[in-house]
Protein backbone atom coordinates (compact mmCIF):
# COMPACT_ATOMS: atom_id res chain seq x y z
CA MET A 1 -0.39 0.74 3.91
CA LEU A 2 2.15 3.52 4.14
CA ASP A 3 -0.15 6.52 4.39
CA VAL A 4 -3.05 8.47 2.92
CA VAL A 5 -2.12 11.67 1.09
CA GLU A 6 -4.49 14.41 0.02
CA TYR A 7 -3.74 16.97 -2.67
CA ARG A 8 -5.46 19.01 -5.35
CA VAL A 9 -5.43 18.45 -9.11
CA ARG A 10 -7.00 21.18 -11.24
CA GLY A 11 -8.90 22.41 -8.19
CA GLU A 12 -10.29 18.98 -7.32
CA ARG A 13 -9.39 17.25 -4.06
CA VAL A 14 -7.71 13.86 -4.50
CA ARG A 15 -7.24 11.38 -1.67
CA ALA A 16 -4.80 8.55 -2.42
CA LYS A 17 -3.74 5.55 -0.33
CA TYR A 18 -0.18 4.36 -0.78
CA TYR A 19 1.09 0.85 -0.10
CA LEU A 20 4.52 -0.74 0.04
CA MET A 21 4.49 -3.83 -2.16
CA GLU A 22 7.01 -6.33 -3.38
CA TYR A 23 7.54 -6.42 -7.14
CA LEU A 24 7.01 -9.92 -8.50
CA TYR A 25 6.26 -9.31 -12.15
CA ASP A 26 4.50 -6.81 -14.34
CA SER A 27 1.61 -7.93 -16.50
CA TYR A 28 2.68 -5.19 -18.94
CA ASP A 29 6.11 -6.82 -19.41
CA ASN A 30 4.70 -8.92 -22.24
CA ASP A 31 2.41 -6.32 -23.77
CA PRO A 32 4.00 -2.84 -23.82
CA VAL A 33 1.03 -1.45 -25.77
CA LEU A 34 -1.08 -1.55 -22.59
CA GLU A 35 1.17 0.83 -20.67
CA HIS A 36 2.32 4.10 -22.18
CA ARG A 37 4.42 5.48 -19.33
CA PRO A 38 8.12 4.64 -19.12
CA THR A 39 9.21 2.57 -16.12
CA ARG A 40 12.54 2.80 -14.33
CA TRP A 41 13.59 0.97 -11.17
CA LEU A 42 15.67 3.15 -8.85
CA SER A 43 17.13 2.86 -5.38
CA PHE A 44 15.49 5.00 -2.69
CA VAL A 45 18.37 7.48 -2.90
CA GLU A 46 18.18 7.73 -6.70
CA ALA A 47 14.39 8.09 -6.61
CA ALA A 48 14.63 10.87 -4.03
CA THR A 49 16.71 12.94 -6.46
CA GLU A 50 14.09 12.52 -9.21
CA VAL A 51 10.87 13.47 -7.40
CA ARG A 52 9.21 16.84 -7.92
CA HIS A 53 6.53 16.91 -5.23
CA PRO A 54 7.00 17.05 -1.44
CA GLU A 55 4.35 14.33 -1.00
CA THR A 56 6.39 11.92 -3.14
CA SER A 57 9.57 12.63 -1.21
CA TYR A 58 7.69 12.00 2.04
CA LEU A 59 6.28 8.71 0.73
CA LEU A 60 9.70 7.53 -0.44
CA SER A 61 11.10 8.21 3.02
CA LEU A 62 8.26 6.24 4.63
CA ALA A 63 8.72 3.37 2.17
CA GLU A 64 12.46 3.21 2.79
CA ARG A 65 12.00 3.02 6.58
CA GLU A 66 9.23 0.42 6.33
CA TYR A 67 11.25 -1.68 3.88
CA ALA A 68 14.23 -1.65 6.26
CA ARG A 69 11.99 -2.59 9.18
CA LEU A 70 10.47 -5.51 7.30
CA ALA A 71 13.86 -6.67 6.03
CA GLY A 72 15.28 -6.49 9.54
CA GLY A 73 18.11 -4.16 8.62
CA SER A 74 19.06 -0.64 7.75
CA PRO A 75 17.57 1.27 4.82
CA THR A 76 18.98 0.47 1.39
CA SER A 77 20.55 3.00 -0.92
């Protein structure tokens, strides 16, 4: 688990847990009707330029550090 982030959506408090996971496959790969949001795979640096919320930027930074720690090297770009 990377962290727990709390924020508000339409006045309602939301508490979300975020995890760093390894991508193996996507069950939606074979049935695009099930998922309606576009998917793009980006490096940490590319993703950081795309985010709009401070919480997302913070989580990307945490994920990059944790990924580097687990991989035994420096963060990827």
